[in-house]
N, C-alpha and C. Protein backbone atom coordinates (compact mmCIF):
# COMPACT_ATOMS: atom_id res chain seq x y z
N MET A 1 -24.39 -18.79 -13.62
CA MET A 1 -22.77 -18.26 -13.71
C MET A 1 -22.46 -18.80 -12.79
N SER A 2 -21.12 -19.70 -12.56
CA SER A 2 -20.89 -20.00 -11.21
C SER A 2 -19.56 -18.64 -10.36
N GLU A 3 -19.26 -19.07 -8.89
CA GLU A 3 -18.80 -18.01 -8.48
C GLU A 3 -17.52 -18.28 -9.54
N LYS A 4 -17.33 -20.08 -9.47
CA LYS A 4 -15.56 -20.34 -10.14
C LYS A 4 -15.61 -19.65 -11.42
N THR A 5 -16.56 -18.74 -12.02
CA THR A 5 -16.86 -19.16 -12.65
C THR A 5 -15.48 -17.36 -12.85
N THR A 6 -17.23 -16.70 -12.28
CA THR A 6 -17.18 -15.26 -11.82
C THR A 6 -15.73 -15.38 -11.62
N ASP A 7 -15.49 -15.76 -10.81
CA ASP A 7 -13.86 -15.22 -9.84
C ASP A 7 -13.05 -15.52 -11.25
N VAL A 8 -12.78 -16.19 -12.92
CA VAL A 8 -12.25 -16.52 -13.20
C VAL A 8 -11.98 -15.22 -14.08
N GLU A 9 -13.40 -14.33 -14.60
CA GLU A 9 -13.98 -13.48 -15.33
C GLU A 9 -12.85 -12.20 -14.54
N ARG A 10 -12.75 -11.87 -13.62
CA ARG A 10 -12.63 -11.16 -12.71
C ARG A 10 -11.57 -11.09 -12.97
N ALA A 11 -10.33 -11.61 -12.11
CA ALA A 11 -8.79 -12.80 -12.89
C ALA A 11 -8.23 -11.55 -13.69
N TYR A 12 -9.56 -12.47 -15.29
CA TYR A 12 -8.97 -11.81 -16.26
C TYR A 12 -9.28 -10.50 -17.16
N ASP A 13 -10.45 -10.08 -16.63
CA ASP A 13 -11.03 -8.07 -16.22
C ASP A 13 -10.62 -7.65 -15.25
N LEU A 14 -9.43 -7.44 -14.49
CA LEU A 14 -8.68 -7.36 -13.46
C LEU A 14 -7.29 -7.09 -14.72
N MET A 15 -6.43 -7.92 -15.00
CA MET A 15 -5.20 -8.10 -16.00
C MET A 15 -5.55 -7.39 -16.81
N GLU A 16 -6.39 -7.41 -18.32
CA GLU A 16 -6.29 -6.78 -19.11
C GLU A 16 -6.85 -5.35 -18.38
N LYS A 17 -7.24 -4.41 -17.44
CA LYS A 17 -7.25 -3.33 -17.03
C LYS A 17 -5.59 -2.76 -16.90
N ILE A 18 -5.67 -3.60 -16.05
CA ILE A 18 -3.89 -2.69 -15.50
C ILE A 18 -3.19 -2.88 -16.32
N ARG A 19 -2.89 -3.87 -17.00
CA ARG A 19 -2.10 -4.09 -18.03
C ARG A 19 -0.42 -4.19 -18.26
N PHE A 20 0.07 -3.47 -17.29
CA PHE A 20 1.25 -3.69 -17.19
C PHE A 20 1.80 -4.16 -15.99
N CYS A 21 2.54 -4.96 -16.08
CA CYS A 21 2.85 -6.29 -14.33
C CYS A 21 4.82 -5.96 -14.95
N MET A 22 4.80 -7.18 -13.49
CA MET A 22 6.18 -7.63 -12.99
C MET A 22 6.50 -8.91 -13.26
N LEU A 23 7.41 -8.65 -14.14
CA LEU A 23 7.19 -10.61 -14.43
C LEU A 23 8.51 -10.60 -13.56
N ALA A 24 8.21 -12.22 -12.53
CA ALA A 24 9.97 -12.24 -11.64
C ALA A 24 10.18 -13.78 -12.27
N THR A 25 11.07 -13.99 -12.64
CA THR A 25 11.43 -15.62 -12.92
C THR A 25 13.19 -15.69 -11.77
N ARG A 26 13.52 -16.77 -12.03
CA ARG A 26 14.85 -17.30 -11.21
C ARG A 26 16.05 -17.28 -12.17
N LYS A 27 17.14 -16.62 -11.43
CA LYS A 27 18.31 -16.76 -11.91
C LYS A 27 19.40 -17.52 -10.89
N GLY A 28 19.68 -18.88 -11.01
CA GLY A 28 20.31 -19.77 -9.25
C GLY A 28 19.26 -19.73 -7.86
N PRO A 29 19.01 -18.89 -7.49
CA PRO A 29 18.74 -19.05 -6.00
C PRO A 29 17.75 -17.94 -5.51
N ASP A 30 17.89 -16.95 -6.63
CA ASP A 30 17.09 -15.49 -7.08
C ASP A 30 16.32 -15.84 -7.53
N ILE A 31 15.35 -14.14 -7.18
CA ILE A 31 13.94 -13.81 -8.26
C ILE A 31 14.73 -12.28 -8.20
N ARG A 32 14.24 -12.68 -9.77
CA ARG A 32 14.35 -10.77 -10.57
C ARG A 32 12.95 -10.81 -11.32
N ALA A 33 12.36 -9.28 -10.89
CA ALA A 33 11.23 -9.48 -12.14
C ALA A 33 11.64 -8.19 -12.41
N ARG A 34 10.96 -7.96 -13.17
CA ARG A 34 10.82 -6.86 -14.11
C ARG A 34 9.91 -5.88 -15.12
N PRO A 35 9.62 -4.88 -15.28
CA PRO A 35 8.75 -4.82 -15.98
C PRO A 35 8.39 -5.13 -17.68
N MET A 36 6.46 -4.84 -17.72
CA MET A 36 6.54 -5.75 -18.90
C MET A 36 4.90 -5.16 -19.57
N ALA A 37 4.68 -4.84 -20.89
CA ALA A 37 3.13 -5.01 -21.27
C ALA A 37 3.03 -5.53 -21.09
N ALA A 38 1.63 -6.39 -20.46
CA ALA A 38 1.03 -8.10 -20.57
C ALA A 38 -0.06 -7.52 -22.00
N HIS A 39 -0.16 -8.71 -22.61
CA HIS A 39 -1.40 -8.90 -24.02
C HIS A 39 -1.97 -9.52 -23.74
N VAL A 40 -3.23 -9.86 -22.69
CA VAL A 40 -4.11 -10.75 -23.16
C VAL A 40 -4.73 -11.27 -23.30
N GLU A 41 -4.98 -12.76 -23.54
CA GLU A 41 -6.17 -13.19 -24.85
C GLU A 41 -6.33 -13.87 -23.75
N ARG A 42 -7.63 -13.53 -22.93
CA ARG A 42 -8.26 -14.60 -22.14
C ARG A 42 -8.41 -15.76 -23.51
N VAL A 43 -9.76 -15.69 -24.14
CA VAL A 43 -10.17 -17.18 -24.27
C VAL A 43 -9.17 -18.53 -25.18
N GLU A 44 -7.66 -17.54 -24.97
CA GLU A 44 -6.68 -18.92 -24.68
C GLU A 44 -6.22 -19.37 -23.83
N ASN A 45 -5.85 -18.89 -22.32
CA ASN A 45 -5.96 -18.59 -21.29
C ASN A 45 -4.19 -18.32 -21.23
N ALA A 46 -4.31 -17.05 -22.23
CA ALA A 46 -2.96 -17.28 -22.63
C ALA A 46 -3.00 -15.48 -22.16
N ILE A 47 -1.22 -15.33 -21.75
CA ILE A 47 -0.63 -13.79 -21.58
C ILE A 47 1.30 -13.31 -21.99
N TYR A 48 0.48 -12.73 -23.45
CA TYR A 48 2.40 -12.39 -24.00
C TYR A 48 2.36 -11.29 -24.03
N PHE A 49 4.04 -11.70 -24.55
CA PHE A 49 4.99 -10.07 -24.08
C PHE A 49 5.70 -10.66 -25.05
N LEU A 50 6.40 -9.22 -25.37
CA LEU A 50 7.13 -9.15 -27.05
C LEU A 50 8.45 -8.63 -25.64
N THR A 51 9.46 -9.79 -26.54
CA THR A 51 10.62 -9.68 -25.42
C THR A 51 12.15 -9.62 -26.00
N ASP A 52 13.00 -9.26 -26.08
CA ASP A 52 14.04 -9.40 -27.22
C ASP A 52 15.38 -10.40 -27.00
N VAL A 53 15.67 -11.34 -27.45
CA VAL A 53 16.69 -12.09 -28.11
C VAL A 53 18.38 -12.44 -27.22
N ASP A 54 18.58 -10.97 -26.42
CA ASP A 54 18.97 -11.15 -26.08
C ASP A 54 18.86 -10.35 -24.58
N GLY A 55 17.66 -10.46 -23.93
CA GLY A 55 17.29 -10.49 -22.52
C GLY A 55 17.58 -11.60 -21.98
N HIS A 56 18.07 -11.86 -20.05
CA HIS A 56 18.64 -13.13 -20.08
C HIS A 56 17.58 -13.57 -19.22
N LYS A 57 15.90 -12.95 -19.65
CA LYS A 57 14.77 -14.00 -18.60
C LYS A 57 14.42 -14.52 -20.08
N ASP A 58 15.02 -14.75 -20.84
CA ASP A 58 14.60 -15.81 -21.47
C ASP A 58 15.66 -16.98 -21.55
N ASP A 59 16.89 -16.44 -20.92
CA ASP A 59 17.50 -17.97 -20.16
C ASP A 59 17.10 -18.82 -18.79
N GLU A 60 16.65 -17.54 -18.26
CA GLU A 60 16.15 -17.93 -16.68
C GLU A 60 15.04 -19.01 -17.23
N ILE A 61 14.08 -18.29 -18.32
CA ILE A 61 12.55 -18.79 -17.85
C ILE A 61 12.74 -20.83 -18.88
N SER A 62 14.15 -20.37 -19.50
CA SER A 62 14.32 -22.94 -19.87
C SER A 62 14.98 -22.35 -19.41
N GLU A 63 15.51 -22.54 -18.23
CA GLU A 63 15.77 -23.11 -16.42
C GLU A 63 14.60 -23.49 -15.78
N HIS A 64 13.45 -22.87 -15.26
CA HIS A 64 13.84 -22.07 -14.72
C HIS A 64 12.29 -21.51 -15.45
N PRO A 65 10.17 -21.79 -15.84
CA PRO A 65 9.97 -21.58 -16.62
C PRO A 65 8.85 -21.05 -15.77
N GLU A 66 8.63 -21.37 -14.45
CA GLU A 66 7.91 -21.47 -13.19
C GLU A 66 8.02 -19.51 -12.98
N ILE A 67 6.73 -18.74 -13.34
CA ILE A 67 6.28 -17.68 -13.07
C ILE A 67 5.64 -16.67 -12.45
N CYS A 68 5.84 -16.01 -11.85
CA CYS A 68 4.46 -15.52 -11.35
C CYS A 68 5.04 -13.51 -12.67
N LEU A 69 3.60 -13.29 -12.65
CA LEU A 69 3.65 -12.26 -12.84
C LEU A 69 3.00 -11.93 -11.51
N ALA A 70 3.21 -10.08 -11.46
CA ALA A 70 1.81 -9.77 -10.93
C ALA A 70 2.00 -8.21 -11.67
N PHE A 71 0.48 -7.92 -11.21
CA PHE A 71 0.68 -6.66 -12.19
C PHE A 71 -0.34 -6.03 -10.51
N ALA A 72 -0.64 -4.64 -10.48
CA ALA A 72 -1.17 -3.54 -8.83
C ALA A 72 -1.00 -2.11 -10.29
N ASP A 73 -2.80 -1.84 -9.37
CA ASP A 73 -3.30 -0.02 -9.68
C ASP A 73 -3.36 0.08 -8.21
N SER A 74 -2.11 0.43 -7.58
CA SER A 74 -1.90 1.38 -6.27
C SER A 74 -3.52 2.63 -6.55
N LYS A 75 -3.34 3.03 -7.16
CA LYS A 75 -4.35 4.28 -8.09
C LYS A 75 -6.28 3.14 -7.10
N GLY A 76 -6.27 2.35 -8.02
CA GLY A 76 -8.37 2.12 -7.03
C GLY A 76 -8.04 0.65 -6.96
N GLN A 77 -6.13 0.13 -6.27
CA GLN A 77 -6.55 -0.63 -4.50
C GLN A 77 -6.39 -2.09 -5.65
N LYS A 78 -6.45 -2.30 -6.55
CA LYS A 78 -7.21 -3.54 -7.43
C LYS A 78 -5.08 -4.53 -7.52
N TYR A 79 -5.06 -5.69 -7.24
CA TYR A 79 -4.11 -5.82 -7.47
C TYR A 79 -4.18 -7.37 -7.50
N ILE A 80 -3.12 -7.77 -8.63
CA ILE A 80 -3.72 -9.75 -9.11
C ILE A 80 -1.94 -9.57 -9.19
N SER A 81 -2.17 -11.33 -9.02
CA SER A 81 -1.41 -11.77 -8.68
C SER A 81 -1.18 -12.63 -9.78
N VAL A 82 -0.79 -13.86 -11.13
CA VAL A 82 -0.49 -14.40 -11.16
C VAL A 82 0.72 -15.14 -10.98
N SER A 83 0.43 -17.09 -11.47
CA SER A 83 1.77 -18.09 -11.72
C SER A 83 0.87 -19.10 -13.16
N GLY A 84 2.39 -19.22 -13.27
CA GLY A 84 2.17 -19.78 -14.71
C GLY A 84 3.36 -20.22 -14.97
N LYS A 85 3.13 -21.19 -16.08
CA LYS A 85 4.72 -21.63 -16.79
C LYS A 85 4.62 -20.49 -18.28
N ALA A 86 5.77 -19.94 -18.29
CA ALA A 86 6.46 -19.81 -19.19
C ALA A 86 7.47 -20.57 -20.75
N THR A 87 6.71 -19.59 -21.68
CA THR A 87 8.51 -20.55 -23.61
C THR A 87 8.21 -18.68 -23.92
N VAL A 88 9.47 -19.42 -24.38
CA VAL A 88 10.10 -18.20 -25.46
C VAL A 88 9.82 -18.96 -26.78
N SER A 89 9.27 -17.97 -27.85
CA SER A 89 9.27 -18.60 -29.15
C SER A 89 10.17 -17.43 -30.18
N ASN A 90 9.80 -17.93 -31.69
CA ASN A 90 10.21 -16.85 -32.40
C ASN A 90 9.03 -16.37 -33.29
N ASP A 91 7.83 -17.01 -33.08
CA ASP A 91 6.55 -17.27 -33.73
C ASP A 91 6.13 -15.84 -34.65
N ARG A 92 6.87 -15.53 -35.44
CA ARG A 92 6.87 -13.77 -36.55
C ARG A 92 5.76 -13.88 -36.44
N GLU A 93 3.63 -14.44 -36.46
CA GLU A 93 2.58 -14.40 -36.93
C GLU A 93 2.48 -13.54 -35.74
N ARG A 94 2.69 -13.95 -34.41
CA ARG A 94 2.43 -13.95 -33.09
C ARG A 94 2.89 -12.61 -33.04
N ILE A 95 4.36 -12.74 -33.43
CA ILE A 95 4.44 -10.95 -33.12
C ILE A 95 4.61 -9.83 -33.41
N ARG A 96 4.32 -10.51 -35.00
CA ARG A 96 2.92 -9.87 -36.15
C ARG A 96 2.55 -8.67 -35.18
N ASP A 97 1.29 -9.74 -34.87
CA ASP A 97 -0.05 -9.25 -34.11
C ASP A 97 -0.07 -8.19 -33.27
N LEU A 98 1.12 -8.87 -32.35
CA LEU A 98 1.43 -8.30 -30.43
C LEU A 98 1.93 -7.05 -31.00
N PHE A 99 2.85 -6.22 -31.84
CA PHE A 99 3.37 -5.57 -31.96
C PHE A 99 2.35 -4.20 -32.20
N SER A 100 2.98 -3.04 -32.08
CA SER A 100 1.85 -2.13 -31.59
C SER A 100 3.10 -0.25 -31.14
N THR A 101 2.49 0.56 -31.00
CA THR A 101 3.62 1.91 -31.36
C THR A 101 4.28 1.91 -30.05
N PRO A 102 3.94 0.78 -29.22
CA PRO A 102 4.61 1.61 -27.89
C PRO A 102 5.61 0.34 -27.66
N ALA A 103 5.67 -0.29 -28.96
CA ALA A 103 7.44 -1.30 -28.65
C ALA A 103 7.79 -1.34 -29.64
N LYS A 104 7.16 -0.17 -30.26
CA LYS A 104 8.59 0.50 -31.23
C LYS A 104 9.82 1.96 -30.39
N ALA A 105 8.88 1.47 -29.61
CA ALA A 105 10.96 2.10 -28.82
C ALA A 105 11.77 1.29 -28.81
N TRP A 106 11.42 -0.20 -28.78
CA TRP A 106 12.72 -1.01 -28.54
C TRP A 106 13.56 -1.10 -29.22
N TRP A 107 12.39 -1.94 -30.36
CA TRP A 107 12.44 -1.61 -32.34
C TRP A 107 11.89 -1.16 -33.32
N ASP A 108 11.94 -1.62 -34.58
CA ASP A 108 12.41 -0.53 -35.41
C ASP A 108 10.88 -0.88 -35.40
N ASP A 109 10.90 -2.08 -36.06
CA ASP A 109 9.68 -3.50 -37.00
C ASP A 109 9.24 -3.56 -36.76
N ALA A 110 8.74 -4.28 -36.48
CA ALA A 110 8.25 -6.34 -35.94
C ALA A 110 8.65 -7.67 -36.83
N ASP A 111 9.52 -7.15 -38.01
CA ASP A 111 10.54 -7.49 -38.35
C ASP A 111 11.67 -8.25 -37.99
N ASP A 112 12.24 -7.18 -36.45
CA ASP A 112 13.67 -7.37 -36.08
C ASP A 112 13.73 -8.28 -35.97
N PRO A 113 14.81 -9.34 -36.46
CA PRO A 113 15.15 -10.39 -35.56
C PRO A 113 15.31 -11.00 -34.55
N SER A 114 15.54 -10.32 -33.46
CA SER A 114 15.44 -9.97 -32.30
C SER A 114 14.73 -10.33 -31.27
N ILE A 115 12.93 -10.16 -32.18
CA ILE A 115 12.68 -9.87 -30.92
C ILE A 115 11.72 -12.18 -31.03
N ARG A 116 11.31 -11.77 -29.43
CA ARG A 116 10.77 -13.22 -29.42
C ARG A 116 9.23 -12.71 -29.06
N VAL A 117 9.01 -13.78 -28.24
CA VAL A 117 7.60 -13.41 -28.20
C VAL A 117 7.60 -14.72 -26.41
N LEU A 118 7.34 -13.97 -25.62
CA LEU A 118 7.14 -14.88 -24.00
C LEU A 118 5.87 -15.19 -24.05
N LYS A 119 5.15 -16.94 -23.79
CA LYS A 119 4.53 -16.82 -23.44
C LYS A 119 4.06 -16.90 -22.42
N VAL A 120 2.90 -16.70 -21.57
CA VAL A 120 3.10 -17.46 -20.42
C VAL A 120 0.83 -18.51 -20.16
N GLU A 121 0.97 -19.64 -19.82
CA GLU A 121 0.21 -20.13 -19.58
C GLU A 121 -0.05 -19.95 -18.18
N PRO A 122 -1.16 -19.71 -17.13
CA PRO A 122 -1.18 -19.07 -16.37
C PRO A 122 -1.96 -20.09 -15.60
N ALA A 123 -1.75 -20.49 -14.23
CA ALA A 123 -1.99 -21.77 -13.27
C ALA A 123 -3.07 -22.01 -12.42
N SER A 124 -3.06 -20.62 -11.66
CA SER A 124 -3.66 -19.76 -11.11
C SER A 124 -3.17 -18.36 -10.80
N ALA A 125 -4.28 -17.72 -10.05
CA ALA A 125 -3.73 -16.16 -9.94
C ALA A 125 -4.59 -15.90 -7.94
N GLU A 126 -4.54 -14.79 -7.89
CA GLU A 126 -4.99 -14.24 -6.66
C GLU A 126 -5.37 -13.34 -6.75
N TYR A 127 -5.97 -12.43 -6.05
CA TYR A 127 -6.50 -10.95 -6.70
C TYR A 127 -7.21 -10.66 -5.30
N TRP A 128 -6.68 -9.42 -5.33
CA TRP A 128 -6.91 -8.00 -4.29
C TRP A 128 -8.01 -6.86 -4.42
N ASP A 129 -9.14 -6.81 -4.88
CA ASP A 129 -9.79 -6.24 -4.86
C ASP A 129 -10.88 -4.99 -4.63
N SER A 130 -10.35 -3.87 -3.87
CA SER A 130 -10.95 -3.40 -3.00
C SER A 130 -12.38 -1.97 -3.08
N PRO A 131 -13.21 -1.59 -2.45
CA PRO A 131 -13.37 0.08 -3.35
C PRO A 131 -12.98 1.16 -3.69
N GLY A 132 -11.27 1.11 -3.91
CA GLY A 132 -10.78 1.87 -3.92
C GLY A 132 -10.00 2.90 -2.69
N THR A 133 -8.54 3.61 -3.87
CA THR A 133 -8.36 4.30 -2.35
C THR A 133 -8.98 5.11 -1.24
N VAL A 134 -9.97 5.81 -1.11
CA VAL A 134 -10.75 6.82 -1.00
C VAL A 134 -11.22 5.85 0.59
N VAL A 135 -11.84 5.10 -0.48
CA VAL A 135 -12.96 3.82 0.71
C VAL A 135 -11.98 3.94 1.08
N SER A 136 -10.90 2.78 1.65
CA SER A 136 -9.81 1.64 1.29
C SER A 136 -9.66 2.56 2.97
N TYR A 137 -9.13 4.08 2.81
CA TYR A 137 -8.42 4.79 3.85
C TYR A 137 -9.38 4.86 4.83
N ILE A 138 -11.09 5.33 4.11
CA ILE A 138 -11.84 5.54 5.44
C ILE A 138 -12.65 4.29 6.49
N LYS A 139 -12.06 3.48 5.33
CA LYS A 139 -12.90 1.84 5.64
C LYS A 139 -11.57 1.48 7.42
N MET A 140 -9.94 1.42 7.44
CA MET A 140 -8.98 1.17 7.99
C MET A 140 -8.68 1.92 9.44
N PHE A 141 -9.39 3.96 8.92
CA PHE A 141 -9.74 5.56 9.88
C PHE A 141 -10.74 4.15 11.28
N ALA A 142 -11.69 4.04 10.20
CA ALA A 142 -13.02 3.78 11.09
C ALA A 142 -12.21 2.61 12.15
N ALA A 143 -12.05 1.24 11.27
CA ALA A 143 -11.07 -0.20 11.52
C ALA A 143 -10.48 0.24 13.29
N ALA A 144 -9.17 1.91 12.53
CA ALA A 144 -8.70 1.57 14.05
C ALA A 144 -8.84 2.42 15.02
N ILE A 145 -10.45 2.88 15.24
CA ILE A 145 -10.99 3.63 15.89
C ILE A 145 -11.83 3.06 16.68
N SER A 146 -12.60 1.78 16.48
CA SER A 146 -12.69 0.69 16.85
C SER A 146 -12.01 -0.94 17.02
N ASP A 147 -13.55 -2.10 16.89
CA ASP A 147 -12.61 -3.28 17.26
C ASP A 147 -13.29 -3.83 16.72
N VAL A 148 -13.60 -3.53 15.37
CA VAL A 148 -13.95 -4.08 13.95
C VAL A 148 -13.61 -3.40 12.97
N ARG A 149 -12.63 -5.35 11.80
CA ARG A 149 -11.83 -4.99 11.06
C ARG A 149 -12.39 -4.45 10.36
N PRO A 150 -11.54 -3.15 9.15
CA PRO A 150 -12.18 -2.79 7.67
C PRO A 150 -12.25 -4.59 6.76
N ASP A 151 -13.29 -4.39 6.41
CA ASP A 151 -14.20 -5.23 4.88
C ASP A 151 -13.20 -3.93 4.04
N MET A 152 -11.78 -4.55 3.21
CA MET A 152 -11.20 -4.31 2.36
C MET A 152 -11.27 -5.09 0.16
N GLY A 153 -12.27 -5.15 0.94
CA GLY A 153 -12.53 -5.68 -0.68
C GLY A 153 -12.82 -7.62 -0.79
N ASP A 154 -12.33 -7.10 -2.09
CA ASP A 154 -12.67 -9.34 -2.50
C ASP A 154 -10.66 -9.63 -2.42
N ASN A 155 -10.70 -10.52 -2.11
CA ASN A 155 -9.33 -11.60 -1.22
C ASN A 155 -9.71 -12.41 -2.52
N VAL A 156 -9.76 -13.03 -3.05
CA VAL A 156 -10.09 -14.78 -4.12
C VAL A 156 -8.35 -14.98 -4.57
N LYS A 157 -8.75 -16.55 -4.28
CA LYS A 157 -7.47 -17.72 -4.77
C LYS A 157 -9.22 -17.84 -6.28
N VAL A 158 -8.00 -18.12 -7.37
CA VAL A 158 -8.69 -18.85 -8.21
C VAL A 158 -7.93 -19.65 -9.14
N GLU A 159 -8.05 -21.19 -9.65
CA GLU A 159 -7.61 -21.98 -10.33
C GLU A 159 -7.57 -21.71 -12.01
N LEU A 160 -7.13 -21.41 -12.65
CA LEU A 160 -6.82 -20.81 -14.71
C LEU A 160 -6.86 -22.00 -14.92
């Protein structure tokens, strides 16, 4: 298995493990982010979200489809930023596939006509994968009292 394949797999592993991210879209000169629950489909090279037709993000995506997803596991010191292109659709079959108990906080059922599918096709990602909070703090402390920079884990850029 090549290093690139391993890096792509690790990027998807992190997205699947963390699951929640901040979706950043552009509105004119401003960038806005909001928390979203990601449904990662590694085989399709896609990340799906359920969204509401009344949400501003749909309009922002139709005008500027380039987005950023920022996943963060602060306890585990693992982060991944994903850049890609987003589209919004009314794919009722996909909505039924993605609809789960947490979605009931916003909609009664998968047949709610206001639900839309937001699909992100990732182009690239950058991840930071450290050994964890305690180990990271120990390494930073040791580096602070020595002349050696700490090894804080992997920082990898990967094309998806």
